[in-house]
Amino acid sequence: CYNETVAQEYFPLTKKEAIKQGYS
């Protein structure tokens, strides 16, 4: 899922933002 990955460290998103952009 997005918040398990390095992407969350460099490009942090909230749960709502991540889901809106199509990420789990």
PDBML (XML) file of the C-alpha atoms, coordinates in Angstrom:
<?xml version="1.0" encoding="UTF-8" ?>
<PDBx:datablock datablockName="MODEL"
   xmlns:PDBx="http://pdbml.pdb.org/schema/pdbx-v50.xsd"
   xmlns:xsi="http://www.w3.org/2001/XMLSchema-instance"
   xsi:schemaLocation="http://pdbml.pdb.org/schema/pdbx-v50.xsd pdbx-v50.xsd">
   <PDBx:atom_siteCategory>
      <PDBx:atom_site id="1">
         <PDBx:B_iso_or_equiv>0.00</PDBx:B_iso_or_equiv>
         <PDBx:Cartn_x>0.000</PDBx:Cartn_x>
         <PDBx:Cartn_y>0.000</PDBx:Cartn_y>
         <PDBx:Cartn_z>0.000</PDBx:Cartn_z>
         <PDBx:auth_asym_id>A</PDBx:auth_asym_id>
         <PDBx:auth_atom_id>CA</PDBx:auth_atom_id>
         <PDBx:auth_comp_id>CYS</PDBx:auth_comp_id>
         <PDBx:auth_seq_id>1</PDBx:auth_seq_id>
         <PDBx:group_PDB>ATOM</PDBx:group_PDB>
         <PDBx:label_alt_id xsi:nil="true" />
         <PDBx:label_asym_id>A</PDBx:label_asym_id>
         <PDBx:label_atom_id>CA</PDBx:label_atom_id>
         <PDBx:label_comp_id>CYS</PDBx:label_comp_id>
         <PDBx:label_entity_id>1</PDBx:label_entity_id>
         <PDBx:label_seq_id>1</PDBx:label_seq_id>
         <PDBx:occupancy>1.00</PDBx:occupancy>
         <PDBx:pdbx_PDB_model_num>1</PDBx:pdbx_PDB_model_num>
         <PDBx:type_symbol>C</PDBx:type_symbol>
      </PDBx:atom_site>
      <PDBx:atom_site id="2">
         <PDBx:B_iso_or_equiv>0.00</PDBx:B_iso_or_equiv>
         <PDBx:Cartn_x>1.119</PDBx:Cartn_x>
         <PDBx:Cartn_y>3.563</PDBx:Cartn_y>
         <PDBx:Cartn_z>-0.606</PDBx:Cartn_z>
         <PDBx:auth_asym_id>A</PDBx:auth_asym_id>
         <PDBx:auth_atom_id>CA</PDBx:auth_atom_id>
         <PDBx:auth_comp_id>TYR</PDBx:auth_comp_id>
         <PDBx:auth_seq_id>2</PDBx:auth_seq_id>
         <PDBx:group_PDB>ATOM</PDBx:group_PDB>
         <PDBx:label_alt_id xsi:nil="true" />
         <PDBx:label_asym_id>A</PDBx:label_asym_id>
         <PDBx:label_atom_id>CA</PDBx:label_atom_id>
         <PDBx:label_comp_id>TYR</PDBx:label_comp_id>
         <PDBx:label_entity_id>1</PDBx:label_entity_id>
         <PDBx:label_seq_id>2</PDBx:label_seq_id>
         <PDBx:occupancy>1.00</PDBx:occupancy>
         <PDBx:pdbx_PDB_model_num>1</PDBx:pdbx_PDB_model_num>
         <PDBx:type_symbol>C</PDBx:type_symbol>
      </PDBx:atom_site>
      <PDBx:atom_site id="3">
         <PDBx:B_iso_or_equiv>0.00</PDBx:B_iso_or_equiv>
         <PDBx:Cartn_x>1.774</PDBx:Cartn_x>
         <PDBx:Cartn_y>4.332</PDBx:Cartn_y>
         <PDBx:Cartn_z>3.078</PDBx:Cartn_z>
         <PDBx:auth_asym_id>A</PDBx:auth_asym_id>
         <PDBx:auth_atom_id>CA</PDBx:auth_atom_id>
         <PDBx:auth_comp_id>ASN</PDBx:auth_comp_id>
         <PDBx:auth_seq_id>3</PDBx:auth_seq_id>
         <PDBx:group_PDB>ATOM</PDBx:group_PDB>
         <PDBx:label_alt_id xsi:nil="true" />
         <PDBx:label_asym_id>A</PDBx:label_asym_id>
         <PDBx:label_atom_id>CA</PDBx:label_atom_id>
         <PDBx:label_comp_id>ASN</PDBx:label_comp_id>
         <PDBx:label_entity_id>1</PDBx:label_entity_id>
         <PDBx:label_seq_id>3</PDBx:label_seq_id>
         <PDBx:occupancy>1.00</PDBx:occupancy>
         <PDBx:pdbx_PDB_model_num>1</PDBx:pdbx_PDB_model_num>
         <PDBx:type_symbol>C</PDBx:type_symbol>
      </PDBx:atom_site>
      <PDBx:atom_site id="4">
         <PDBx:B_iso_or_equiv>0.00</PDBx:B_iso_or_equiv>
         <PDBx:Cartn_x>3.949</PDBx:Cartn_x>
         <PDBx:Cartn_y>1.207</PDBx:Cartn_y>
         <PDBx:Cartn_z>3.445</PDBx:Cartn_z>
         <PDBx:auth_asym_id>A</PDBx:auth_asym_id>
         <PDBx:auth_atom_id>CA</PDBx:auth_atom_id>
         <PDBx:auth_comp_id>GLU</PDBx:auth_comp_id>
         <PDBx:auth_seq_id>4</PDBx:auth_seq_id>
         <PDBx:group_PDB>ATOM</PDBx:group_PDB>
         <PDBx:label_alt_id xsi:nil="true" />
         <PDBx:label_asym_id>A</PDBx:label_asym_id>
         <PDBx:label_atom_id>CA</PDBx:label_atom_id>
         <PDBx:label_comp_id>GLU</PDBx:label_comp_id>
         <PDBx:label_entity_id>1</PDBx:label_entity_id>
         <PDBx:label_seq_id>4</PDBx:label_seq_id>
         <PDBx:occupancy>1.00</PDBx:occupancy>
         <PDBx:pdbx_PDB_model_num>1</PDBx:pdbx_PDB_model_num>
         <PDBx:type_symbol>C</PDBx:type_symbol>
      </PDBx:atom_site>
      <PDBx:atom_site id="5">
         <PDBx:B_iso_or_equiv>0.00</PDBx:B_iso_or_equiv>
         <PDBx:Cartn_x>6.402</PDBx:Cartn_x>
         <PDBx:Cartn_y>2.400</PDBx:Cartn_y>
         <PDBx:Cartn_z>0.824</PDBx:Cartn_z>
         <PDBx:auth_asym_id>A</PDBx:auth_asym_id>
         <PDBx:auth_atom_id>CA</PDBx:auth_atom_id>
         <PDBx:auth_comp_id>THR</PDBx:auth_comp_id>
         <PDBx:auth_seq_id>5</PDBx:auth_seq_id>
         <PDBx:group_PDB>ATOM</PDBx:group_PDB>
         <PDBx:label_alt_id xsi:nil="true" />
         <PDBx:label_asym_id>A</PDBx:label_asym_id>
         <PDBx:label_atom_id>CA</PDBx:label_atom_id>
         <PDBx:label_comp_id>THR</PDBx:label_comp_id>
         <PDBx:label_entity_id>1</PDBx:label_entity_id>
         <PDBx:label_seq_id>5</PDBx:label_seq_id>
         <PDBx:occupancy>1.00</PDBx:occupancy>
         <PDBx:pdbx_PDB_model_num>1</PDBx:pdbx_PDB_model_num>
         <PDBx:type_symbol>C</PDBx:type_symbol>
      </PDBx:atom_site>
      <PDBx:atom_site id="6">
         <PDBx:B_iso_or_equiv>0.00</PDBx:B_iso_or_equiv>
         <PDBx:Cartn_x>9.206</PDBx:Cartn_x>
         <PDBx:Cartn_y>4.891</PDBx:Cartn_y>
         <PDBx:Cartn_z>0.325</PDBx:Cartn_z>
         <PDBx:auth_asym_id>A</PDBx:auth_asym_id>
         <PDBx:auth_atom_id>CA</PDBx:auth_atom_id>
         <PDBx:auth_comp_id>VAL</PDBx:auth_comp_id>
         <PDBx:auth_seq_id>6</PDBx:auth_seq_id>
         <PDBx:group_PDB>ATOM</PDBx:group_PDB>
         <PDBx:label_alt_id xsi:nil="true" />
         <PDBx:label_asym_id>A</PDBx:label_asym_id>
         <PDBx:label_atom_id>CA</PDBx:label_atom_id>
         <PDBx:label_comp_id>VAL</PDBx:label_comp_id>
         <PDBx:label_entity_id>1</PDBx:label_entity_id>
         <PDBx:label_seq_id>6</PDBx:label_seq_id>
         <PDBx:occupancy>1.00</PDBx:occupancy>
         <PDBx:pdbx_PDB_model_num>1</PDBx:pdbx_PDB_model_num>
         <PDBx:type_symbol>C</PDBx:type_symbol>
      </PDBx:atom_site>
      <PDBx:atom_site id="7">
         <PDBx:B_iso_or_equiv>0.00</PDBx:B_iso_or_equiv>
         <PDBx:Cartn_x>6.772</PDBx:Cartn_x>
         <PDBx:Cartn_y>7.007</PDBx:Cartn_y>
         <PDBx:Cartn_z>-1.700</PDBx:Cartn_z>
         <PDBx:auth_asym_id>A</PDBx:auth_asym_id>
         <PDBx:auth_atom_id>CA</PDBx:auth_atom_id>
         <PDBx:auth_comp_id>ALA</PDBx:auth_comp_id>
         <PDBx:auth_seq_id>7</PDBx:auth_seq_id>
         <PDBx:group_PDB>ATOM</PDBx:group_PDB>
         <PDBx:label_alt_id xsi:nil="true" />
         <PDBx:label_asym_id>A</PDBx:label_asym_id>
         <PDBx:label_atom_id>CA</PDBx:label_atom_id>
         <PDBx:label_comp_id>ALA</PDBx:label_comp_id>
         <PDBx:label_entity_id>1</PDBx:label_entity_id>
         <PDBx:label_seq_id>7</PDBx:label_seq_id>
         <PDBx:occupancy>1.00</PDBx:occupancy>
         <PDBx:pdbx_PDB_model_num>1</PDBx:pdbx_PDB_model_num>
         <PDBx:type_symbol>C</PDBx:type_symbol>
      </PDBx:atom_site>
      <PDBx:atom_site id="8">
         <PDBx:B_iso_or_equiv>0.00</PDBx:B_iso_or_equiv>
         <PDBx:Cartn_x>5.065</PDBx:Cartn_x>
         <PDBx:Cartn_y>8.067</PDBx:Cartn_y>
         <PDBx:Cartn_z>1.531</PDBx:Cartn_z>
         <PDBx:auth_asym_id>A</PDBx:auth_asym_id>
         <PDBx:auth_atom_id>CA</PDBx:auth_atom_id>
         <PDBx:auth_comp_id>GLN</PDBx:auth_comp_id>
         <PDBx:auth_seq_id>8</PDBx:auth_seq_id>
         <PDBx:group_PDB>ATOM</PDBx:group_PDB>
         <PDBx:label_alt_id xsi:nil="true" />
         <PDBx:label_asym_id>A</PDBx:label_asym_id>
         <PDBx:label_atom_id>CA</PDBx:label_atom_id>
         <PDBx:label_comp_id>GLN</PDBx:label_comp_id>
         <PDBx:label_entity_id>1</PDBx:label_entity_id>
         <PDBx:label_seq_id>8</PDBx:label_seq_id>
         <PDBx:occupancy>1.00</PDBx:occupancy>
         <PDBx:pdbx_PDB_model_num>1</PDBx:pdbx_PDB_model_num>
         <PDBx:type_symbol>C</PDBx:type_symbol>
      </PDBx:atom_site>
      <PDBx:atom_site id="9">
         <PDBx:B_iso_or_equiv>0.00</PDBx:B_iso_or_equiv>
         <PDBx:Cartn_x>8.417</PDBx:Cartn_x>
         <PDBx:Cartn_y>9.294</PDBx:Cartn_y>
         <PDBx:Cartn_z>2.898</PDBx:Cartn_z>
         <PDBx:auth_asym_id>A</PDBx:auth_asym_id>
         <PDBx:auth_atom_id>CA</PDBx:auth_atom_id>
         <PDBx:auth_comp_id>GLU</PDBx:auth_comp_id>
         <PDBx:auth_seq_id>9</PDBx:auth_seq_id>
         <PDBx:group_PDB>ATOM</PDBx:group_PDB>
         <PDBx:label_alt_id xsi:nil="true" />
         <PDBx:label_asym_id>A</PDBx:label_asym_id>
         <PDBx:label_atom_id>CA</PDBx:label_atom_id>
         <PDBx:label_comp_id>GLU</PDBx:label_comp_id>
         <PDBx:label_entity_id>1</PDBx:label_entity_id>
         <PDBx:label_seq_id>9</PDBx:label_seq_id>
         <PDBx:occupancy>1.00</PDBx:occupancy>
         <PDBx:pdbx_PDB_model_num>1</PDBx:pdbx_PDB_model_num>
         <PDBx:type_symbol>C</PDBx:type_symbol>
      </PDBx:atom_site>
      <PDBx:atom_site id="10">
         <PDBx:B_iso_or_equiv>0.00</PDBx:B_iso_or_equiv>
         <PDBx:Cartn_x>9.191</PDBx:Cartn_x>
         <PDBx:Cartn_y>11.508</PDBx:Cartn_y>
         <PDBx:Cartn_z>-0.108</PDBx:Cartn_z>
         <PDBx:auth_asym_id>A</PDBx:auth_asym_id>
         <PDBx:auth_atom_id>CA</PDBx:auth_atom_id>
         <PDBx:auth_comp_id>TYR</PDBx:auth_comp_id>
         <PDBx:auth_seq_id>10</PDBx:auth_seq_id>
         <PDBx:group_PDB>ATOM</PDBx:group_PDB>
         <PDBx:label_alt_id xsi:nil="true" />
         <PDBx:label_asym_id>A</PDBx:label_asym_id>
         <PDBx:label_atom_id>CA</PDBx:label_atom_id>
         <PDBx:label_comp_id>TYR</PDBx:label_comp_id>
         <PDBx:label_entity_id>1</PDBx:label_entity_id>
         <PDBx:label_seq_id>10</PDBx:label_seq_id>
         <PDBx:occupancy>1.00</PDBx:occupancy>
         <PDBx:pdbx_PDB_model_num>1</PDBx:pdbx_PDB_model_num>
         <PDBx:type_symbol>C</PDBx:type_symbol>
      </PDBx:atom_site>
      <PDBx:atom_site id="11">
         <PDBx:B_iso_or_equiv>0.00</PDBx:B_iso_or_equiv>
         <PDBx:Cartn_x>5.662</PDBx:Cartn_x>
         <PDBx:Cartn_y>12.372</PDBx:Cartn_y>
         <PDBx:Cartn_z>-1.275</PDBx:Cartn_z>
         <PDBx:auth_asym_id>A</PDBx:auth_asym_id>
         <PDBx:auth_atom_id>CA</PDBx:auth_atom_id>
         <PDBx:auth_comp_id>PHE</PDBx:auth_comp_id>
         <PDBx:auth_seq_id>11</PDBx:auth_seq_id>
         <PDBx:group_PDB>ATOM</PDBx:group_PDB>
         <PDBx:label_alt_id xsi:nil="true" />
         <PDBx:label_asym_id>A</PDBx:label_asym_id>
         <PDBx:label_atom_id>CA</PDBx:label_atom_id>
         <PDBx:label_comp_id>PHE</PDBx:label_comp_id>
         <PDBx:label_entity_id>1</PDBx:label_entity_id>
         <PDBx:label_seq_id>11</PDBx:label_seq_id>
         <PDBx:occupancy>1.00</PDBx:occupancy>
         <PDBx:pdbx_PDB_model_num>1</PDBx:pdbx_PDB_model_num>
         <PDBx:type_symbol>C</PDBx:type_symbol>
      </PDBx:atom_site>
      <PDBx:atom_site id="12">
         <PDBx:B_iso_or_equiv>0.00</PDBx:B_iso_or_equiv>
         <PDBx:Cartn_x>3.431</PDBx:Cartn_x>
         <PDBx:Cartn_y>12.068</PDBx:Cartn_y>
         <PDBx:Cartn_z>1.836</PDBx:Cartn_z>
         <PDBx:auth_asym_id>A</PDBx:auth_asym_id>
         <PDBx:auth_atom_id>CA</PDBx:auth_atom_id>
         <PDBx:auth_comp_id>PRO</PDBx:auth_comp_id>
         <PDBx:auth_seq_id>12</PDBx:auth_seq_id>
         <PDBx:group_PDB>ATOM</PDBx:group_PDB>
         <PDBx:label_alt_id xsi:nil="true" />
         <PDBx:label_asym_id>A</PDBx:label_asym_id>
         <PDBx:label_atom_id>CA</PDBx:label_atom_id>
         <PDBx:label_comp_id>PRO</PDBx:label_comp_id>
         <PDBx:label_entity_id>1</PDBx:label_entity_id>
         <PDBx:label_seq_id>12</PDBx:label_seq_id>
         <PDBx:occupancy>1.00</PDBx:occupancy>
         <PDBx:pdbx_PDB_model_num>1</PDBx:pdbx_PDB_model_num>
         <PDBx:type_symbol>C</PDBx:type_symbol>
      </PDBx:atom_site>
      <PDBx:atom_site id="13">
         <PDBx:B_iso_or_equiv>0.00</PDBx:B_iso_or_equiv>
         <PDBx:Cartn_x>-0.324</PDBx:Cartn_x>
         <PDBx:Cartn_y>11.744</PDBx:Cartn_y>
         <PDBx:Cartn_z>1.341</PDBx:Cartn_z>
         <PDBx:auth_asym_id>A</PDBx:auth_asym_id>
         <PDBx:auth_atom_id>CA</PDBx:auth_atom_id>
         <PDBx:auth_comp_id>LEU</PDBx:auth_comp_id>
         <PDBx:auth_seq_id>13</PDBx:auth_seq_id>
         <PDBx:group_PDB>ATOM</PDBx:group_PDB>
         <PDBx:label_alt_id xsi:nil="true" />
         <PDBx:label_asym_id>A</PDBx:label_asym_id>
         <PDBx:label_atom_id>CA</PDBx:label_atom_id>
         <PDBx:label_comp_id>LEU</PDBx:label_comp_id>
         <PDBx:label_entity_id>1</PDBx:label_entity_id>
         <PDBx:label_seq_id>13</PDBx:label_seq_id>
         <PDBx:occupancy>1.00</PDBx:occupancy>
         <PDBx:pdbx_PDB_model_num>1</PDBx:pdbx_PDB_model_num>
         <PDBx:type_symbol>C</PDBx:type_symbol>
      </PDBx:atom_site>
      <PDBx:atom_site id="14">
         <PDBx:B_iso_or_equiv>0.00</PDBx:B_iso_or_equiv>
         <PDBx:Cartn_x>-3.281</PDBx:Cartn_x>
         <PDBx:Cartn_y>11.359</PDBx:Cartn_y>
         <PDBx:Cartn_z>3.649</PDBx:Cartn_z>
         <PDBx:auth_asym_id>A</PDBx:auth_asym_id>
         <PDBx:auth_atom_id>CA</PDBx:auth_atom_id>
         <PDBx:auth_comp_id>THR</PDBx:auth_comp_id>
         <PDBx:auth_seq_id>14</PDBx:auth_seq_id>
         <PDBx:group_PDB>ATOM</PDBx:group_PDB>
         <PDBx:label_alt_id xsi:nil="true" />
         <PDBx:label_asym_id>A</PDBx:label_asym_id>
         <PDBx:label_atom_id>CA</PDBx:label_atom_id>
         <PDBx:label_comp_id>THR</PDBx:label_comp_id>
         <PDBx:label_entity_id>1</PDBx:label_entity_id>
         <PDBx:label_seq_id>14</PDBx:label_seq_id>
         <PDBx:occupancy>1.00</PDBx:occupancy>
         <PDBx:pdbx_PDB_model_num>1</PDBx:pdbx_PDB_model_num>
         <PDBx:type_symbol>C</PDBx:type_symbol>
      </PDBx:atom_site>
      <PDBx:atom_site id="15">
         <PDBx:B_iso_or_equiv>0.00</PDBx:B_iso_or_equiv>
         <PDBx:Cartn_x>-5.409</PDBx:Cartn_x>
         <PDBx:Cartn_y>8.257</PDBx:Cartn_y>
         <PDBx:Cartn_z>3.318</PDBx:Cartn_z>
         <PDBx:auth_asym_id>A</PDBx:auth_asym_id>
         <PDBx:auth_atom_id>CA</PDBx:auth_atom_id>
         <PDBx:auth_comp_id>LYS</PDBx:auth_comp_id>
         <PDBx:auth_seq_id>15</PDBx:auth_seq_id>
         <PDBx:group_PDB>ATOM</PDBx:group_PDB>
         <PDBx:label_alt_id xsi:nil="true" />
         <PDBx:label_asym_id>A</PDBx:label_asym_id>
         <PDBx:label_atom_id>CA</PDBx:label_atom_id>
         <PDBx:label_comp_id>LYS</PDBx:label_comp_id>
         <PDBx:label_entity_id>1</PDBx:label_entity_id>
         <PDBx:label_seq_id>15</PDBx:label_seq_id>
         <PDBx:occupancy>1.00</PDBx:occupancy>
         <PDBx:pdbx_PDB_model_num>1</PDBx:pdbx_PDB_model_num>
         <PDBx:type_symbol>C</PDBx:type_symbol>
      </PDBx:atom_site>
      <PDBx:atom_site id="16">
         <PDBx:B_iso_or_equiv>0.00</PDBx:B_iso_or_equiv>
         <PDBx:Cartn_x>-8.086</PDBx:Cartn_x>
         <PDBx:Cartn_y>10.271</PDBx:Cartn_y>
         <PDBx:Cartn_z>1.528</PDBx:Cartn_z>
         <PDBx:auth_asym_id>A</PDBx:auth_asym_id>
         <PDBx:auth_atom_id>CA</PDBx:auth_atom_id>
         <PDBx:auth_comp_id>LYS</PDBx:auth_comp_id>
         <PDBx:auth_seq_id>16</PDBx:auth_seq_id>
         <PDBx:group_PDB>ATOM</PDBx:group_PDB>
         <PDBx:label_alt_id xsi:nil="true" />
         <PDBx:label_asym_id>A</PDBx:label_asym_id>
         <PDBx:label_atom_id>CA</PDBx:label_atom_id>
         <PDBx:label_comp_id>LYS</PDBx:label_comp_id>
         <PDBx:label_entity_id>1</PDBx:label_entity_id>
         <PDBx:label_seq_id>16</PDBx:label_seq_id>
         <PDBx:occupancy>1.00</PDBx:occupancy>
         <PDBx:pdbx_PDB_model_num>1</PDBx:pdbx_PDB_model_num>
         <PDBx:type_symbol>C</PDBx:type_symbol>
      </PDBx:atom_site>
      <PDBx:atom_site id="17">
         <PDBx:B_iso_or_equiv>0.00</PDBx:B_iso_or_equiv>
         <PDBx:Cartn_x>-5.575</PDBx:Cartn_x>
         <PDBx:Cartn_y>11.781</PDBx:Cartn_y>
         <PDBx:Cartn_z>-0.917</PDBx:Cartn_z>
         <PDBx:auth_asym_id>A</PDBx:auth_asym_id>
         <PDBx:auth_atom_id>CA</PDBx:auth_atom_id>
         <PDBx:auth_comp_id>GLU</PDBx:auth_comp_id>
         <PDBx:auth_seq_id>17</PDBx:auth_seq_id>
         <PDBx:group_PDB>ATOM</PDBx:group_PDB>
         <PDBx:label_alt_id xsi:nil="true" />
         <PDBx:label_asym_id>A</PDBx:label_asym_id>
         <PDBx:label_atom_id>CA</PDBx:label_atom_id>
         <PDBx:label_comp_id>GLU</PDBx:label_comp_id>
         <PDBx:label_entity_id>1</PDBx:label_entity_id>
         <PDBx:label_seq_id>17</PDBx:label_seq_id>
         <PDBx:occupancy>1.00</PDBx:occupancy>
         <PDBx:pdbx_PDB_model_num>1</PDBx:pdbx_PDB_model_num>
         <PDBx:type_symbol>C</PDBx:type_symbol>
      </PDBx:atom_site>
      <PDBx:atom_site id="18">
         <PDBx:B_iso_or_equiv>0.00</PDBx:B_iso_or_equiv>
         <PDBx:Cartn_x>-3.961</PDBx:Cartn_x>
         <PDBx:Cartn_y>8.421</PDBx:Cartn_y>
         <PDBx:Cartn_z>-1.666</PDBx:Cartn_z>
         <PDBx:auth_asym_id>A</PDBx:auth_asym_id>
         <PDBx:auth_atom_id>CA</PDBx:auth_atom_id>
         <PDBx:auth_comp_id>ALA</PDBx:auth_comp_id>
         <PDBx:auth_seq_id>18</PDBx:auth_seq_id>
         <PDBx:group_PDB>ATOM</PDBx:group_PDB>
         <PDBx:label_alt_id xsi:nil="true" />
         <PDBx:label_asym_id>A</PDBx:label_asym_id>
         <PDBx:label_atom_id>CA</PDBx:label_atom_id>
         <PDBx:label_comp_id>ALA</PDBx:label_comp_id>
         <PDBx:label_entity_id>1</PDBx:label_entity_id>
         <PDBx:label_seq_id>18</PDBx:label_seq_id>
         <PDBx:occupancy>1.00</PDBx:occupancy>
         <PDBx:pdbx_PDB_model_num>1</PDBx:pdbx_PDB_model_num>
         <PDBx:type_symbol>C</PDBx:type_symbol>
      </PDBx:atom_site>
      <PDBx:atom_site id="19">
         <PDBx:B_iso_or_equiv>0.00</PDBx:B_iso_or_equiv>
         <PDBx:Cartn_x>-7.248</PDBx:Cartn_x>
         <PDBx:Cartn_y>6.671</PDBx:Cartn_y>
         <PDBx:Cartn_z>-2.373</PDBx:Cartn_z>
         <PDBx:auth_asym_id>A</PDBx:auth_asym_id>
         <PDBx:auth_atom_id>CA</PDBx:auth_atom_id>
         <PDBx:auth_comp_id>ILE</PDBx:auth_comp_id>
         <PDBx:auth_seq_id>19</PDBx:auth_seq_id>
         <PDBx:group_PDB>ATOM</PDBx:group_PDB>
         <PDBx:label_alt_id xsi:nil="true" />
         <PDBx:label_asym_id>A</PDBx:label_asym_id>
         <PDBx:label_atom_id>CA</PDBx:label_atom_id>
         <PDBx:label_comp_id>ILE</PDBx:label_comp_id>
         <PDBx:label_entity_id>1</PDBx:label_entity_id>
         <PDBx:label_seq_id>19</PDBx:label_seq_id>
         <PDBx:occupancy>1.00</PDBx:occupancy>
         <PDBx:pdbx_PDB_model_num>1</PDBx:pdbx_PDB_model_num>
         <PDBx:type_symbol>C</PDBx:type_symbol>
      </PDBx:atom_site>
      <PDBx:atom_site id="20">
         <PDBx:B_iso_or_equiv>0.00</PDBx:B_iso_or_equiv>
         <PDBx:Cartn_x>-8.404</PDBx:Cartn_x>
         <PDBx:Cartn_y>9.570</PDBx:Cartn_y>
         <PDBx:Cartn_z>-4.545</PDBx:Cartn_z>
         <PDBx:auth_asym_id>A</PDBx:auth_asym_id>
         <PDBx:auth_atom_id>CA</PDBx:auth_atom_id>
         <PDBx:auth_comp_id>LYS</PDBx:auth_comp_id>
         <PDBx:auth_seq_id>20</PDBx:auth_seq_id>
         <PDBx:group_PDB>ATOM</PDBx:group_PDB>
         <PDBx:label_alt_id xsi:nil="true" />
         <PDBx:label_asym_id>A</PDBx:label_asym_id>
         <PDBx:label_atom_id>CA</PDBx:label_atom_id>
         <PDBx:label_comp_id>LYS</PDBx:label_comp_id>
         <PDBx:label_entity_id>1</PDBx:label_entity_id>
         <PDBx:label_seq_id>20</PDBx:label_seq_id>
         <PDBx:occupancy>1.00</PDBx:occupancy>
         <PDBx:pdbx_PDB_model_num>1</PDBx:pdbx_PDB_model_num>
         <PDBx:type_symbol>C</PDBx:type_symbol>
      </PDBx:atom_site>
      <PDBx:atom_site id="21">
         <PDBx:B_iso_or_equiv>0.00</PDBx:B_iso_or_equiv>
         <PDBx:Cartn_x>-5.245</PDBx:Cartn_x>
         <PDBx:Cartn_y>9.183</PDBx:Cartn_y>
         <PDBx:Cartn_z>-6.648</PDBx:Cartn_z>
         <PDBx:auth_asym_id>A</PDBx:auth_asym_id>
         <PDBx:auth_atom_id>CA</PDBx:auth_atom_id>
         <PDBx:auth_comp_id>GLN</PDBx:auth_comp_id>
         <PDBx:auth_seq_id>21</PDBx:auth_seq_id>
         <PDBx:group_PDB>ATOM</PDBx:group_PDB>
         <PDBx:label_alt_id xsi:nil="true" />
         <PDBx:label_asym_id>A</PDBx:label_asym_id>
         <PDBx:label_atom_id>CA</PDBx:label_atom_id>
         <PDBx:label_comp_id>GLN</PDBx:label_comp_id>
         <PDBx:label_entity_id>1</PDBx:label_entity_id>
         <PDBx:label_seq_id>21</PDBx:label_seq_id>
         <PDBx:occupancy>1.00</PDBx:occupancy>
         <PDBx:pdbx_PDB_model_num>1</PDBx:pdbx_PDB_model_num>
         <PDBx:type_symbol>C</PDBx:type_symbol>
      </PDBx:atom_site>
      <PDBx:atom_site id="22">
         <PDBx:B_iso_or_equiv>0.00</PDBx:B_iso_or_equiv>
         <PDBx:Cartn_x>-5.884</PDBx:Cartn_x>
         <PDBx:Cartn_y>5.470</PDBx:Cartn_y>
         <PDBx:Cartn_z>-7.100</PDBx:Cartn_z>
         <PDBx:auth_asym_id>A</PDBx:auth_asym_id>
         <PDBx:auth_atom_id>CA</PDBx:auth_atom_id>
         <PDBx:auth_comp_id>GLY</PDBx:auth_comp_id>
         <PDBx:auth_seq_id>22</PDBx:auth_seq_id>
         <PDBx:group_PDB>ATOM</PDBx:group_PDB>
         <PDBx:label_alt_id xsi:nil="true" />
         <PDBx:label_asym_id>A</PDBx:label_asym_id>
         <PDBx:label_atom_id>CA</PDBx:label_atom_id>
         <PDBx:label_comp_id>GLY</PDBx:label_comp_id>
         <PDBx:label_entity_id>1</PDBx:label_entity_id>
         <PDBx:label_seq_id>22</PDBx:label_seq_id>
         <PDBx:occupancy>1.00</PDBx:occupancy>
         <PDBx:pdbx_PDB_model_num>1</PDBx:pdbx_PDB_model_num>
         <PDBx:type_symbol>C</PDBx:type_symbol>
      </PDBx:atom_site>
      <PDBx:atom_site id="23">
         <PDBx:B_iso_or_equiv>0.00</PDBx:B_iso_or_equiv>
         <PDBx:Cartn_x>-3.405</PDBx:Cartn_x>
         <PDBx:Cartn_y>4.107</PDBx:Cartn_y>
         <PDBx:Cartn_z>-4.554</PDBx:Cartn_z>
         <PDBx:auth_asym_id>A</PDBx:auth_asym_id>
         <PDBx:auth_atom_id>CA</PDBx:auth_atom_id>
         <PDBx:auth_comp_id>TYR</PDBx:auth_comp_id>
         <PDBx:auth_seq_id>23</PDBx:auth_seq_id>
         <PDBx:group_PDB>ATOM</PDBx:group_PDB>
         <PDBx:label_alt_id xsi:nil="true" />
         <PDBx:label_asym_id>A</PDBx:label_asym_id>
         <PDBx:label_atom_id>CA</PDBx:label_atom_id>
         <PDBx:label_comp_id>TYR</PDBx:label_comp_id>
         <PDBx:label_entity_id>1</PDBx:label_entity_id>
         <PDBx:label_seq_id>23</PDBx:label_seq_id>
         <PDBx:occupancy>1.00</PDBx:occupancy>
         <PDBx:pdbx_PDB_model_num>1</PDBx:pdbx_PDB_model_num>
         <PDBx:type_symbol>C</PDBx:type_symbol>
      </PDBx:atom_site>
      <PDBx:atom_site id="24">
         <PDBx:B_iso_or_equiv>0.00</PDBx:B_iso_or_equiv>
         <PDBx:Cartn_x>-4.218</PDBx:Cartn_x>
         <PDBx:Cartn_y>1.507</PDBx:Cartn_y>
         <PDBx:Cartn_z>-1.911</PDBx:Cartn_z>
         <PDBx:auth_asym_id>A</PDBx:auth_asym_id>
         <PDBx:auth_atom_id>CA</PDBx:auth_atom_id>
         <PDBx:auth_comp_id>SER</PDBx:auth_comp_id>
         <PDBx:auth_seq_id>24</PDBx:auth_seq_id>
         <PDBx:group_PDB>ATOM</PDBx:group_PDB>
         <PDBx:label_alt_id xsi:nil="true" />
         <PDBx:label_asym_id>A</PDBx:label_asym_id>
         <PDBx:label_atom_id>CA</PDBx:label_atom_id>
         <PDBx:label_comp_id>SER</PDBx:label_comp_id>
         <PDBx:label_entity_id>1</PDBx:label_entity_id>
         <PDBx:label_seq_id>24</PDBx:label_seq_id>
         <PDBx:occupancy>1.00</PDBx:occupancy>
         <PDBx:pdbx_PDB_model_num>1</PDBx:pdbx_PDB_model_num>
         <PDBx:type_symbol>C</PDBx:type_symbol>
      </PDBx:atom_site>
   </PDBx:atom_siteCategory>
</PDBx:datablock>
